[in-house]
Amino acid sequence: MEGMGLMFERIEYTVERIDGDYAYLKNDAAPDEELKCVARALLPEEISEGSKLAYEMFQYIWRR
């Protein structure tokens, strides 16, 4: 199962913008990439613009 390591790699994001039911995340390791649009239902409730998140093991975790 080649490439499986990338699926479980930790990716760190910053919440750039919240627009209704969606948040737009910037990949901290690749700030020039297009923002990732994620449904807020998949994110921790307490996030706001500027919050730091980590994506690992198929879930978003608030980095305090």
C-alpha atoms as a PDB file:
ATOM      1  CA  MET A   1       0.000   0.000   0.000  1.00  0.00           C
ATOM      2  CA  GLU A   2       2.319   2.640  -1.272  1.00  0.00           C
ATOM      3  CA  GLY A   3       1.631   6.245  -0.249  1.00  0.00           C
ATOM      4  CA  MET A   4      -0.284   5.299   2.909  1.00  0.00           C
ATOM      5  CA  GLY A   5       2.199   7.278   5.038  1.00  0.00           C
ATOM      6  CA  LEU A   6       0.900  10.534   3.581  1.00  0.00           C
ATOM      7  CA  MET A   7      -2.645   9.766   4.700  1.00  0.00           C
ATOM      8  CA  PHE A   8      -1.548   9.719   8.346  1.00  0.00           C
ATOM      9  CA  GLU A   9       0.887  12.609   8.159  1.00  0.00           C
ATOM     10  CA  ARG A  10       0.109  15.521  10.491  1.00  0.00           C
ATOM     11  CA  ILE A  11      -0.791  18.692   8.580  1.00  0.00           C
ATOM     12  CA  GLU A  12      -0.989  22.016  10.395  1.00  0.00           C
ATOM     13  CA  TYR A  13      -3.446  24.706   9.310  1.00  0.00           C
ATOM     14  CA  THR A  14      -4.478  28.222  10.264  1.00  0.00           C
ATOM     15  CA  VAL A  15      -8.136  29.264   9.970  1.00  0.00           C
ATOM     16  CA  GLU A  16      -7.975  32.158   7.514  1.00  0.00           C
ATOM     17  CA  ARG A  17     -11.693  32.843   7.122  1.00  0.00           C
ATOM     18  CA  ILE A  18     -15.042  31.613   8.380  1.00  0.00           C
ATOM     19  CA  ASP A  19     -17.990  31.984   6.033  1.00  0.00           C
ATOM     20  CA  GLY A  20     -21.241  30.558   7.398  1.00  0.00           C
ATOM     21  CA  ASP A  21     -20.996  26.778   7.609  1.00  0.00           C
ATOM     22  CA  TYR A  22     -17.505  26.660   6.096  1.00  0.00           C
ATOM     23  CA  ALA A  23     -13.986  27.540   7.207  1.00  0.00           C
ATOM     24  CA  TYR A  24     -11.094  28.242   4.859  1.00  0.00           C
ATOM     25  CA  LEU A  25      -7.809  26.798   6.055  1.00  0.00           C
ATOM     26  CA  LYS A  26      -4.252  27.733   5.081  1.00  0.00           C
ATOM     27  CA  ASN A  27      -1.678  24.937   5.100  1.00  0.00           C
ATOM     28  CA  ASP A  28       1.113  26.336   7.297  1.00  0.00           C
ATOM     29  CA  ALA A  29       3.772  24.324   5.433  1.00  0.00           C
ATOM     30  CA  ALA A  30       2.580  25.547   2.008  1.00  0.00           C
ATOM     31  CA  PRO A  31       1.113  29.049   2.471  1.00  0.00           C
ATOM     32  CA  ASP A  32       0.984  29.718  -1.287  1.00  0.00           C
ATOM     33  CA  GLU A  33      -1.429  26.820  -1.930  1.00  0.00           C
ATOM     34  CA  GLU A  34      -5.129  27.461  -2.414  1.00  0.00           C
ATOM     35  CA  LEU A  35      -7.125  27.642   0.832  1.00  0.00           C
ATOM     36  CA  LYS A  36      -8.856  24.401   1.817  1.00  0.00           C
ATOM     37  CA  CYS A  37     -12.627  24.728   2.303  1.00  0.00           C
ATOM     38  CA  VAL A  38     -13.892  22.545   5.183  1.00  0.00           C
ATOM     39  CA  ALA A  39     -17.393  22.188   6.625  1.00  0.00           C
ATOM     40  CA  ARG A  40     -17.442  23.632  10.152  1.00  0.00           C
ATOM     41  CA  ALA A  41     -19.243  20.496  11.356  1.00  0.00           C
ATOM     42  CA  LEU A  42     -15.906  18.680  10.915  1.00  0.00           C
ATOM     43  CA  LEU A  43     -13.973  21.213  13.004  1.00  0.00           C
ATOM     44  CA  PRO A  44     -13.807  21.905  16.755  1.00  0.00           C
ATOM     45  CA  GLU A  45     -16.645  24.237  17.825  1.00  0.00           C
ATOM     46  CA  GLU A  46     -14.378  26.733  19.578  1.00  0.00           C
ATOM     47  CA  ILE A  47     -12.373  27.771  16.498  1.00  0.00           C
ATOM     48  CA  SER A  48     -12.305  31.323  15.180  1.00  0.00           C
ATOM     49  CA  GLU A  49     -10.327  33.142  12.495  1.00  0.00           C
ATOM     50  CA  GLY A  50      -6.641  32.799  13.325  1.00  0.00           C
ATOM     51  CA  SER A  51      -7.078  29.500  15.207  1.00  0.00           C
ATOM     52  CA  LYS A  52      -4.422  26.847  14.653  1.00  0.00           C
ATOM     53  CA  LEU A  53      -5.541  23.328  13.720  1.00  0.00           C
ATOM     54  CA  ALA A  54      -3.810  20.034  13.090  1.00  0.00           C
ATOM     55  CA  TYR A  55      -5.218  17.329  10.818  1.00  0.00           C
ATOM     56  CA  GLU A  56      -4.186  13.828  11.762  1.00  0.00           C
ATOM     57  CA  MET A  57      -5.810  10.419  11.760  1.00  0.00           C
ATOM     58  CA  PHE A  58      -8.751  11.809   9.740  1.00  0.00           C
ATOM     59  CA  GLN A  59      -9.714  14.494  12.275  1.00  0.00           C
ATOM     60  CA  TYR A  60      -9.048  18.160  12.929  1.00  0.00           C
ATOM     61  CA  ILE A  61      -7.631  19.039  16.351  1.00  0.00           C
ATOM     62  CA  TRP A  62      -7.427  22.534  17.846  1.00  0.00           C
ATOM     63  CA  ARG A  63      -3.799  23.456  18.617  1.00  0.00           C
ATOM     64  CA  ARG A  64      -3.841  25.695  21.685  1.00  0.00           C
END
